[in-house]
Each structure stands twice: as C-alpha cells, then as structure tokens.
Amino acid sequence: MTIQSTNTSNRTVNQKPRATELDVIRGLAIFFTIIHHFMYDVHFIFGYPYFSWLFGPVMESVFHPLAYIMFLGVAGISSSFSRNNIKRSGRLALIAIGLNLVTLIISIVIKSDYYILWQMLHCLALCTLLNGLFEKTALKEKTKIIVLLLAGFLIIFYLPQIIKVFKLDSKGSPLFLPFGIGHLRPEVPDMIDYLPLIPYSGCFFVGVALGKIIYPDGVVQKQYCTEKIFKPLAFMGRHSLLIYAIHQPIWIALIWLWTKIS
C-alpha cells in the first residue's frame, strides 16, 4: 500500500498541467472548419443551391481564413510542449499521405474530382519539421523568437504580394502547388480542400514565437477555460488532428450517399 501511494503521488507531482485554453481555441477552430466544409461540399461540390451567403466577399475574407489562422497559430504555440517535433512531423506526414490516398480512391470510385493534394495537415507536417530542425540550432532563445516573427510576417504579408503581382497562382508551375503557386492551372484537378503554405504557414511560425513568449520552457503557469461549459470544445481541441483528418472524406461520403438515396 505504501509503495502504491508513493508512485501515485510522484505521478501527480510530475504531471505537467495542460494548456486547456489552447484546446478550447483549437476546438473552436475545428468546429468552424467542419461547418464550413459541410456547407462548401453541399454548395460547390454537389451543386445544391444552399449556403450561398457563406461565400460572399466578407465571409471569404474574414470567416474562412480565421479558422485556419486560429488552428495553425495554436498549433505553432502548442509545439512548445512537444518533446520531439521532428518525430511528430513524421506522424503528421503519414496522416496527410493517407488522406491523399483515401481521396484518390474516392475520386476513382465516384468518378469525379474529390482530391486532397495539399491541405492543413500537409502544412502542419512540413512546418513542424522545419520548427524541429530550427530548434536544434545554437541560436539564443530571443534570437529564435525574432527570426520566427520575421519569417512569419514575411510569409503572411510579403510573399502573397509576389504571387499576386506575377499571377503565379495561375501561371506558375503546378509542381509548386504547396506554396500557392500553379493551383489555378487547368491541368490541376479540383480539390475538396486546399491550404497553401503561403500565407498560412506564417501563422504557424508566429504561433511558435508566441508560444516561447507565453509559455517559456513549455511550462503552463496557470490553466484557463477549465469550466464545464468549455469541455466539449476542449475535447474537440485535444482530438483536433483526428477530427480534421477524417471529417472531410466522411462529409463527402455521407452527402454522396444522400444524393443516391434521395
């Protein structure tokens, strides 16, 4: 009895508190994304005249990017708590490749373009890998924060202007599709989800810098959003990668089945 009590006490002392507030923000972002993708699939992919209000200029420029900015920004902050970002990037890459294969099979079976070539998880995998390699450099922590902020703002505000001025989204090579280049070329198939590194990866790197500032040494000083009302969002936030990975193929399959039944 004495040994068991001591072990339990040690686990309690050694267990680090979780940044619940990040789970809640991530959960809110994934909730927005799920709803948005459902409406997008119904309206654009299957051609039903519903939810057209969602795709006006205000919603396109505010609501849609907000969910991605929240998700990637929080992912960058959360990287402060990861013991091995390089290994984590490998797991993310496997999930992303799995999505490529699943949507390829769905597209072949349904005989239509429901591809995922490059989206959120692909961005996360590459950004997490780059951050893991960056962490291994001998730079001081303050220098790393400055470099991350500069890189983030450069990717968010400067590089998109280059793509716009030279019309690289429609004239560039599709080989650079992950960077937001060439994705409007006619030979590129329709995609049910697409998120380029430019400008969205910048949100991740700014998030990494903020994580170093808010949670130095990856330590949570105080937990927020621990009330019961936040538990559903916190649960979604803790399982956000799994939810994000499976929700879009599930929506496509369910809506397609509905069209066949009805």
C-alpha atoms as a PDB file:
ATOM      1  CA  MET A   1       0.000   0.000   0.000  1.00  0.00           C
ATOM      2  CA  THR A   2       2.817   2.388   0.880  1.00  0.00           C
ATOM      3  CA  ILE A   3       4.630   1.841  -2.452  1.00  0.00           C
ATOM      4  CA  GLN A   4       1.444   2.318  -4.498  1.00  0.00           C
ATOM      5  CA  SER A   5       0.636   5.549  -2.663  1.00  0.00           C
ATOM      6  CA  THR A   6       4.151   6.893  -3.259  1.00  0.00           C
ATOM      7  CA  ASN A   7       4.020   6.102  -7.009  1.00  0.00           C
ATOM      8  CA  THR A   8       0.636   7.780  -7.349  1.00  0.00           C
ATOM      9  CA  SER A   9       1.950  10.837  -5.529  1.00  0.00           C
ATOM     10  CA  ASN A  10       5.010  11.007  -7.813  1.00  0.00           C
ATOM     11  CA  ARG A  11       2.843  10.822 -10.957  1.00  0.00           C
ATOM     12  CA  THR A  12       0.719  13.688  -9.648  1.00  0.00           C
ATOM     13  CA  VAL A  13       3.778  15.828  -8.913  1.00  0.00           C
ATOM     14  CA  ASN A  14       5.476  15.073 -12.249  1.00  0.00           C
ATOM     15  CA  GLN A  15       2.385  15.552 -14.397  1.00  0.00           C
ATOM     16  CA  LYS A  16       2.514  18.934 -16.149  1.00  0.00           C
ATOM     17  CA  PRO A  17      -0.701  20.977 -16.328  1.00  0.00           C
ATOM     18  CA  ARG A  18      -2.219  21.169 -19.801  1.00  0.00           C
ATOM     19  CA  ALA A  19      -2.867  24.473 -21.575  1.00  0.00           C
ATOM     20  CA  THR A  20      -6.631  23.980 -21.646  1.00  0.00           C
ATOM     21  CA  GLU A  21      -7.191  27.389 -23.218  1.00  0.00           C
ATOM     22  CA  LEU A  22      -5.306  26.246 -26.315  1.00  0.00           C
ATOM     23  CA  ASP A  23      -7.507  23.141 -26.547  1.00  0.00           C
ATOM     24  CA  VAL A  24     -10.596  25.365 -26.444  1.00  0.00           C
ATOM     25  CA  ILE A  25      -9.327  27.722 -29.170  1.00  0.00           C
ATOM     26  CA  ARG A  26      -8.271  24.746 -31.310  1.00  0.00           C
ATOM     27  CA  GLY A  27     -11.658  23.107 -30.719  1.00  0.00           C
ATOM     28  CA  LEU A  28     -13.463  26.277 -31.789  1.00  0.00           C
ATOM     29  CA  ALA A  29     -11.338  26.444 -34.931  1.00  0.00           C
ATOM     30  CA  ILE A  30     -12.044  22.811 -35.830  1.00  0.00           C
ATOM     31  CA  PHE A  31     -15.783  23.357 -35.214  1.00  0.00           C
ATOM     32  CA  PHE A  32     -15.798  26.333 -37.615  1.00  0.00           C
ATOM     33  CA  THR A  33     -13.848  24.278 -40.159  1.00  0.00           C
ATOM     34  CA  ILE A  34     -16.244  21.310 -40.007  1.00  0.00           C
ATOM     35  CA  ILE A  35     -19.288  23.533 -40.515  1.00  0.00           C
ATOM     36  CA  HIS A  36     -17.609  25.441 -43.317  1.00  0.00           C
ATOM     37  CA  HIS A  37     -16.572  22.278 -45.150  1.00  0.00           C
ATOM     38  CA  PHE A  38     -20.077  20.820 -44.894  1.00  0.00           C
ATOM     39  CA  MET A  39     -21.579  23.973 -46.438  1.00  0.00           C
ATOM     40  CA  TYR A  40     -18.844  24.108 -49.078  1.00  0.00           C
ATOM     41  CA  ASP A  41     -19.395  20.475 -50.056  1.00  0.00           C
ATOM     42  CA  VAL A  42     -23.165  20.901 -50.323  1.00  0.00           C
ATOM     43  CA  HIS A  43     -22.980  24.132 -52.321  1.00  0.00           C
ATOM     44  CA  PHE A  44     -19.951  23.724 -54.587  1.00  0.00           C
ATOM     45  CA  ILE A  45     -19.144  20.052 -54.878  1.00  0.00           C
ATOM     46  CA  PHE A  46     -22.695  18.692 -55.095  1.00  0.00           C
ATOM     47  CA  GLY A  47     -24.290  21.806 -56.596  1.00  0.00           C
ATOM     48  CA  TYR A  48     -27.205  22.348 -54.205  1.00  0.00           C
ATOM     49  CA  PRO A  49     -28.407  25.988 -54.040  1.00  0.00           C
ATOM     50  CA  TYR A  50     -27.888  26.308 -50.301  1.00  0.00           C
ATOM     51  CA  PHE A  51     -25.480  28.303 -48.123  1.00  0.00           C
ATOM     52  CA  SER A  52     -24.575  30.724 -50.933  1.00  0.00           C
ATOM     53  CA  TRP A  53     -24.419  33.516 -48.315  1.00  0.00           C
ATOM     54  CA  LEU A  54     -21.379  31.823 -46.834  1.00  0.00           C
ATOM     55  CA  PHE A  55     -19.278  32.577 -49.903  1.00  0.00           C
ATOM     56  CA  GLY A  56     -19.737  36.332 -50.149  1.00  0.00           C
ATOM     57  CA  PRO A  57     -16.662  38.617 -50.124  1.00  0.00           C
ATOM     58  CA  VAL A  58     -16.889  39.396 -46.392  1.00  0.00           C
ATOM     59  CA  MET A  59     -17.197  35.754 -45.324  1.00  0.00           C
ATOM     60  CA  GLU A  60     -14.494  34.673 -47.771  1.00  0.00           C
ATOM     61  CA  SER A  61     -12.016  37.238 -46.476  1.00  0.00           C
ATOM     62  CA  VAL A  62     -12.851  37.040 -42.745  1.00  0.00           C
ATOM     63  CA  PHE A  63     -14.645  33.884 -41.582  1.00  0.00           C
ATOM     64  CA  HIS A  64     -12.823  31.283 -43.670  1.00  0.00           C
ATOM     65  CA  PRO A  65      -9.233  32.421 -43.007  1.00  0.00           C
ATOM     66  CA  LEU A  66      -9.996  32.984 -39.308  1.00  0.00           C
ATOM     67  CA  ALA A  67     -10.484  29.273 -38.620  1.00  0.00           C
ATOM     68  CA  TYR A  68      -7.222  28.379 -40.369  1.00  0.00           C
ATOM     69  CA  ILE A  69      -5.299  31.181 -38.643  1.00  0.00           C
ATOM     70  CA  MET A  70      -6.581  30.017 -35.247  1.00  0.00           C
ATOM     71  CA  PHE A  71      -5.784  26.377 -35.975  1.00  0.00           C
ATOM     72  CA  LEU A  72      -2.275  26.918 -37.320  1.00  0.00           C
ATOM     73  CA  GLY A  73      -1.438  29.640 -34.800  1.00  0.00           C
ATOM     74  CA  VAL A  74      -2.415  27.417 -31.886  1.00  0.00           C
ATOM     75  CA  ALA A  75      -0.517  24.514 -33.468  1.00  0.00           C
ATOM     76  CA  GLY A  76       2.584  26.704 -33.510  1.00  0.00           C
ATOM     77  CA  ILE A  77       2.102  27.689 -29.866  1.00  0.00           C
ATOM     78  CA  SER A  78       1.498  24.052 -28.897  1.00  0.00           C
ATOM     79  CA  SER A  79       4.789  22.994 -30.470  1.00  0.00           C
ATOM     80  CA  SER A  80       6.418  24.475 -27.360  1.00  0.00           C
ATOM     81  CA  PHE A  81       5.121  21.465 -25.419  1.00  0.00           C
ATOM     82  CA  SER A  82       6.278  18.790 -27.866  1.00  0.00           C
ATOM     83  CA  ARG A  83       9.298  16.728 -26.807  1.00  0.00           C
ATOM     84  CA  ASN A  84      10.236  15.840 -30.385  1.00  0.00           C
ATOM     85  CA  ASN A  85       8.766  17.959 -33.175  1.00  0.00           C
ATOM     86  CA  ILE A  86      10.686  16.045 -35.854  1.00  0.00           C
ATOM     87  CA  LYS A  87       9.105  12.743 -34.837  1.00  0.00           C
ATOM     88  CA  ARG A  88       5.711  14.458 -34.563  1.00  0.00           C
ATOM     89  CA  SER A  89       6.083  15.818 -38.100  1.00  0.00           C
ATOM     90  CA  GLY A  90       6.580  12.254 -39.341  1.00  0.00           C
ATOM     91  CA  ARG A  91       3.289  11.130 -37.800  1.00  0.00           C
ATOM     92  CA  LEU A  92       1.507  14.126 -39.339  1.00  0.00           C
ATOM     93  CA  ALA A  93       3.035  13.354 -42.734  1.00  0.00           C
ATOM     94  CA  LEU A  94       1.743   9.780 -42.604  1.00  0.00           C
ATOM     95  CA  ILE A  95      -1.800  11.018 -41.877  1.00  0.00           C
ATOM     96  CA  ALA A  96      -1.531  13.562 -44.694  1.00  0.00           C
ATOM     97  CA  ILE A  97      -0.376  10.917 -47.183  1.00  0.00           C
ATOM     98  CA  GLY A  98      -3.214   8.699 -46.004  1.00  0.00           C
ATOM     99  CA  LEU A  99      -5.658  11.484 -46.890  1.00  0.00           C
ATOM    100  CA  ASN A 100      -4.118  11.718 -50.359  1.00  0.00           C
ATOM    101  CA  LEU A 101      -4.699   8.001 -50.893  1.00  0.00           C
ATOM    102  CA  VAL A 102      -8.224   7.942 -49.440  1.00  0.00           C
ATOM    103  CA  THR A 103      -9.426  10.837 -51.588  1.00  0.00           C
ATOM    104  CA  LEU A 104      -7.724   9.311 -54.632  1.00  0.00           C
ATOM    105  CA  ILE A 105      -9.725   6.117 -54.090  1.00  0.00           C
ATOM    106  CA  ILE A 106     -12.947   8.074 -53.509  1.00  0.00           C
ATOM    107  CA  SER A 107     -12.362  10.054 -56.717  1.00  0.00           C
ATOM    108  CA  ILE A 108     -11.814   6.860 -58.716  1.00  0.00           C
ATOM    109  CA  VAL A 109     -14.873   5.116 -57.235  1.00  0.00           C
ATOM    110  CA  ILE A 110     -17.222   8.084 -57.607  1.00  0.00           C
ATOM    111  CA  LYS A 111     -15.594   9.051 -60.938  1.00  0.00           C
ATOM    112  CA  SER A 112     -15.207  12.699 -60.028  1.00  0.00           C
ATOM    113  CA  ASP A 113     -12.602  15.084 -58.636  1.00  0.00           C
ATOM    114  CA  TYR A 114     -12.612  14.885 -54.839  1.00  0.00           C
ATOM    115  CA  TYR A 115      -8.872  15.130 -54.360  1.00  0.00           C
ATOM    116  CA  ILE A 116      -6.831  16.359 -51.431  1.00  0.00           C
ATOM    117  CA  LEU A 117      -3.358  17.151 -52.728  1.00  0.00           C
ATOM    118  CA  TRP A 118      -2.157  19.646 -50.141  1.00  0.00           C
ATOM    119  CA  GLN A 119      -4.054  20.973 -47.139  1.00  0.00           C
ATOM    120  CA  MET A 120      -3.861  21.744 -43.425  1.00  0.00           C
ATOM    121  CA  LEU A 121      -2.160  18.530 -42.280  1.00  0.00           C
ATOM    122  CA  HIS A 122       0.440  18.754 -45.026  1.00  0.00           C
ATOM    123  CA  CYS A 123       1.196  22.326 -43.912  1.00  0.00           C
ATOM    124  CA  LEU A 124       1.421  21.238 -40.291  1.00  0.00           C
ATOM    125  CA  ALA A 125       3.737  18.332 -41.092  1.00  0.00           C
ATOM    126  CA  LEU A 126       6.217  20.473 -43.007  1.00  0.00           C
ATOM    127  CA  CYS A 127       6.048  23.424 -40.585  1.00  0.00           C
ATOM    128  CA  THR A 128       6.534  21.128 -37.592  1.00  0.00           C
ATOM    129  CA  LEU A 129       9.550  19.514 -39.270  1.00  0.00           C
ATOM    130  CA  LEU A 130      11.120  22.900 -40.045  1.00  0.00           C
ATOM    131  CA  ASN A 131      10.486  24.066 -36.497  1.00  0.00           C
ATOM    132  CA  GLY A 132      12.019  20.878 -35.094  1.00  0.00           C
ATOM    133  CA  LEU A 133      15.170  21.436 -37.162  1.00  0.00           C
ATOM    134  CA  PHE A 134      15.238  25.116 -36.222  1.00  0.00           C
ATOM    135  CA  GLU A 135      15.063  24.214 -32.544  1.00  0.00           C
ATOM    136  CA  LYS A 136      18.324  22.276 -32.909  1.00  0.00           C
ATOM    137  CA  THR A 137      20.261  25.367 -33.967  1.00  0.00           C
ATOM    138  CA  ALA A 138      22.601  27.076 -31.497  1.00  0.00           C
ATOM    139  CA  LEU A 139      20.724  30.390 -31.645  1.00  0.00           C
ATOM    140  CA  LYS A 140      19.685  32.019 -28.390  1.00  0.00           C
ATOM    141  CA  GLU A 141      16.004  31.901 -27.458  1.00  0.00           C
ATOM    142  CA  LYS A 142      15.438  35.633 -28.022  1.00  0.00           C
ATOM    143  CA  THR A 143      17.100  35.403 -31.426  1.00  0.00           C
ATOM    144  CA  LYS A 144      14.871  32.470 -32.358  1.00  0.00           C
ATOM    145  CA  ILE A 145      11.784  34.489 -31.438  1.00  0.00           C
ATOM    146  CA  ILE A 146      12.893  37.386 -33.657  1.00  0.00           C
ATOM    147  CA  VAL A 147      13.701  35.068 -36.588  1.00  0.00           C
ATOM    148  CA  LEU A 148      10.342  33.286 -36.265  1.00  0.00           C
ATOM    149  CA  LEU A 149       8.388  36.558 -36.145  1.00  0.00           C
ATOM    150  CA  LEU A 150      10.251  37.982 -39.149  1.00  0.00           C
ATOM    151  CA  ALA A 151       9.746  34.776 -41.150  1.00  0.00           C
ATOM    152  CA  GLY A 152       6.073  34.633 -40.183  1.00  0.00           C
ATOM    153  CA  PHE A 153       5.297  38.215 -41.189  1.00  0.00           C
ATOM    154  CA  LEU A 154       7.313  37.850 -44.406  1.00  0.00           C
ATOM    155  CA  ILE A 155       5.267  34.775 -45.395  1.00  0.00           C
ATOM    156  CA  ILE A 156       1.945  36.346 -44.387  1.00  0.00           C
ATOM    157  CA  PHE A 157       2.288  39.847 -45.853  1.00  0.00           C
ATOM    158  CA  TYR A 158       5.097  39.942 -48.441  1.00  0.00           C
ATOM    159  CA  LEU A 159       5.214  36.656 -50.348  1.00  0.00           C
ATOM    160  CA  PRO A 160       1.459  36.662 -51.229  1.00  0.00           C
ATOM    161  CA  GLN A 161       2.001  40.011 -52.978  1.00  0.00           C
ATOM    162  CA  ILE A 162       4.696  38.468 -55.176  1.00  0.00           C
ATOM    163  CA  ILE A 163       2.318  35.656 -56.129  1.00  0.00           C
ATOM    164  CA  LYS A 164      -0.411  38.208 -56.871  1.00  0.00           C
ATOM    165  CA  VAL A 165       1.740  40.613 -58.919  1.00  0.00           C
ATOM    166  CA  PHE A 166       3.216  37.882 -61.120  1.00  0.00           C
ATOM    167  CA  LYS A 167      -0.048  35.853 -61.182  1.00  0.00           C
ATOM    168  CA  LEU A 168       1.842  32.778 -60.092  1.00  0.00           C
ATOM    169  CA  ASP A 169      -1.345  31.071 -58.863  1.00  0.00           C
ATOM    170  CA  SER A 170      -2.489  30.668 -62.485  1.00  0.00           C
ATOM    171  CA  LYS A 171       0.787  30.941 -64.414  1.00  0.00           C
ATOM    172  CA  GLY A 172       3.260  29.195 -62.137  1.00  0.00           C
ATOM    173  CA  SER A 173       4.190  25.529 -62.292  1.00  0.00           C
ATOM    174  CA  PRO A 174       1.817  23.115 -60.507  1.00  0.00           C
ATOM    175  CA  LEU A 175       4.935  21.496 -59.047  1.00  0.00           C
ATOM    176  CA  PHE A 176       4.924  24.403 -56.569  1.00  0.00           C
ATOM    177  CA  LEU A 177       1.271  23.878 -55.629  1.00  0.00           C
ATOM    178  CA  PRO A 178       2.114  23.541 -51.884  1.00  0.00           C
ATOM    179  CA  PHE A 179       3.265  27.189 -51.938  1.00  0.00           C
ATOM    180  CA  GLY A 180       0.072  28.545 -53.506  1.00  0.00           C
ATOM    181  CA  ILE A 181       1.618  28.530 -56.982  1.00  0.00           C
ATOM    182  CA  GLY A 182       0.000  26.936 -60.043  1.00  0.00           C
ATOM    183  CA  HIS A 183      -3.117  25.690 -58.258  1.00  0.00           C
ATOM    184  CA  LEU A 184      -5.398  27.535 -60.712  1.00  0.00           C
ATOM    185  CA  ARG A 185      -3.834  25.893 -63.753  1.00  0.00           C
ATOM    186  CA  PRO A 186      -6.396  23.937 -65.832  1.00  0.00           C
ATOM    187  CA  GLU A 187      -4.448  20.682 -65.543  1.00  0.00           C
ATOM    188  CA  VAL A 188      -4.743  20.720 -61.742  1.00  0.00           C
ATOM    189  CA  PRO A 189      -7.808  18.671 -60.687  1.00  0.00           C
ATOM    190  CA  ASP A 190     -10.498  20.095 -58.425  1.00  0.00           C
ATOM    191  CA  MET A 191      -9.677  19.724 -54.743  1.00  0.00           C
ATOM    192  CA  ILE A 192     -12.124  19.410 -51.856  1.00  0.00           C
ATOM    193  CA  ASP A 193      -9.609  21.018 -49.514  1.00  0.00           C
ATOM    194  CA  TYR A 194      -6.550  23.125 -50.213  1.00  0.00           C
ATOM    195  CA  LEU A 195      -4.368  25.209 -47.922  1.00  0.00           C
ATOM    196  CA  PRO A 196      -1.085  26.585 -49.297  1.00  0.00           C
ATOM    197  CA  LEU A 197       1.999  27.301 -47.229  1.00  0.00           C
ATOM    198  CA  ILE A 198       1.850  30.905 -48.402  1.00  0.00           C
ATOM    199  CA  PRO A 199       0.471  32.712 -46.437  1.00  0.00           C
ATOM    200  CA  TYR A 200      -0.809  30.228 -43.833  1.00  0.00           C
ATOM    201  CA  SER A 201       2.472  28.721 -42.676  1.00  0.00           C
ATOM    202  CA  GLY A 202       3.367  32.193 -41.464  1.00  0.00           C
ATOM    203  CA  CYS A 203       0.630  31.865 -38.828  1.00  0.00           C
ATOM    204  CA  PHE A 204       2.334  28.721 -37.532  1.00  0.00           C
ATOM    205  CA  PHE A 205       5.736  30.375 -37.162  1.00  0.00           C
ATOM    206  CA  VAL A 206       4.253  33.437 -35.448  1.00  0.00           C
ATOM    207  CA  GLY A 207       2.480  30.964 -33.142  1.00  0.00           C
ATOM    208  CA  VAL A 208       5.787  29.259 -32.322  1.00  0.00           C
ATOM    209  CA  ALA A 209       7.253  32.636 -31.343  1.00  0.00           C
ATOM    210  CA  LEU A 210       4.216  33.450 -29.192  1.00  0.00           C
ATOM    211  CA  GLY A 211       4.488  30.033 -27.548  1.00  0.00           C
ATOM    212  CA  LYS A 212       8.050  30.815 -26.494  1.00  0.00           C
ATOM    213  CA  ILE A 213       6.890  34.132 -25.040  1.00  0.00           C
ATOM    214  CA  ILE A 214       3.685  32.978 -23.317  1.00  0.00           C
ATOM    215  CA  TYR A 215       4.903  29.545 -22.192  1.00  0.00           C
ATOM    216  CA  PRO A 216       8.664  29.846 -21.612  1.00  0.00           C
ATOM    217  CA  ASP A 217      10.336  26.424 -21.402  1.00  0.00           C
ATOM    218  CA  GLY A 218       6.989  24.854 -22.322  1.00  0.00           C
ATOM    219  CA  VAL A 219       5.563  25.329 -18.831  1.00  0.00           C
ATOM    220  CA  VAL A 220       1.926  26.260 -18.106  1.00  0.00           C
ATOM    221  CA  GLN A 221       1.866  28.634 -15.140  1.00  0.00           C
ATOM    222  CA  LYS A 222      -1.920  28.806 -14.840  1.00  0.00           C
ATOM    223  CA  GLN A 223      -4.795  26.976 -16.539  1.00  0.00           C
ATOM    224  CA  TYR A 224      -7.732  28.816 -18.068  1.00  0.00           C
ATOM    225  CA  CYS A 225     -11.063  27.699 -19.583  1.00  0.00           C
ATOM    226  CA  THR A 226     -11.390  24.738 -17.230  1.00  0.00           C
ATOM    227  CA  GLU A 227     -15.132  25.215 -16.556  1.00  0.00           C
ATOM    228  CA  LYS A 228     -17.652  22.607 -17.729  1.00  0.00           C
ATOM    229  CA  ILE A 229     -19.004  24.868 -20.462  1.00  0.00           C
ATOM    230  CA  PHE A 230     -15.649  24.611 -22.268  1.00  0.00           C
ATOM    231  CA  LYS A 231     -15.339  20.809 -22.057  1.00  0.00           C
ATOM    232  CA  PRO A 232     -16.902  19.990 -25.483  1.00  0.00           C
ATOM    233  CA  LEU A 233     -14.569  22.418 -27.250  1.00  0.00           C
ATOM    234  CA  ALA A 234     -11.602  21.236 -25.187  1.00  0.00           C
ATOM    235  CA  PHE A 235     -12.376  17.630 -26.170  1.00  0.00           C
ATOM    236  CA  MET A 236     -12.510  18.592 -29.855  1.00  0.00           C
ATOM    237  CA  GLY A 237      -9.270  20.504 -29.446  1.00  0.00           C
ATOM    238  CA  ARG A 238      -7.453  17.556 -27.900  1.00  0.00           C
ATOM    239  CA  HIS A 239      -8.517  15.327 -30.806  1.00  0.00           C
ATOM    240  CA  SER A 240      -8.429  18.020 -33.497  1.00  0.00           C
ATOM    241  CA  LEU A 241      -5.956  16.261 -35.815  1.00  0.00           C
ATOM    242  CA  LEU A 242      -8.020  13.093 -35.958  1.00  0.00           C
ATOM    243  CA  ILE A 243     -11.229  15.064 -36.473  1.00  0.00           C
ATOM    244  CA  TYR A 244      -9.638  17.159 -39.200  1.00  0.00           C
ATOM    245  CA  ALA A 245      -8.211  14.120 -40.937  1.00  0.00           C
ATOM    246  CA  ILE A 246     -11.481  12.192 -41.185  1.00  0.00           C
ATOM    247  CA  HIS A 247     -14.266  14.779 -41.345  1.00  0.00           C
ATOM    248  CA  GLN A 248     -13.992  15.834 -44.992  1.00  0.00           C
ATOM    249  CA  PRO A 249     -13.996  12.316 -46.531  1.00  0.00           C
ATOM    250  CA  ILE A 250     -16.897  11.444 -44.204  1.00  0.00           C
ATOM    251  CA  TRP A 251     -18.883  14.516 -45.305  1.00  0.00           C
ATOM    252  CA  ILE A 252     -18.277  13.679 -48.977  1.00  0.00           C
ATOM    253  CA  ALA A 253     -19.336  10.052 -48.498  1.00  0.00           C
ATOM    254  CA  LEU A 254     -22.471  10.940 -46.497  1.00  0.00           C
ATOM    255  CA  ILE A 255     -23.645  13.668 -48.884  1.00  0.00           C
ATOM    256  CA  TRP A 256     -22.976  11.430 -51.889  1.00  0.00           C
ATOM    257  CA  LEU A 257     -24.974   8.605 -50.293  1.00  0.00           C
ATOM    258  CA  TRP A 258     -27.796  11.060 -49.549  1.00  0.00           C
ATOM    259  CA  THR A 259     -27.926  12.130 -53.207  1.00  0.00           C
ATOM    260  CA  LYS A 260     -28.182   8.481 -54.282  1.00  0.00           C
ATOM    261  CA  ILE A 261     -30.888   7.640 -51.735  1.00  0.00           C
ATOM    262  CA  SER A 262     -32.980  10.736 -52.356  1.00  0.00           C
END
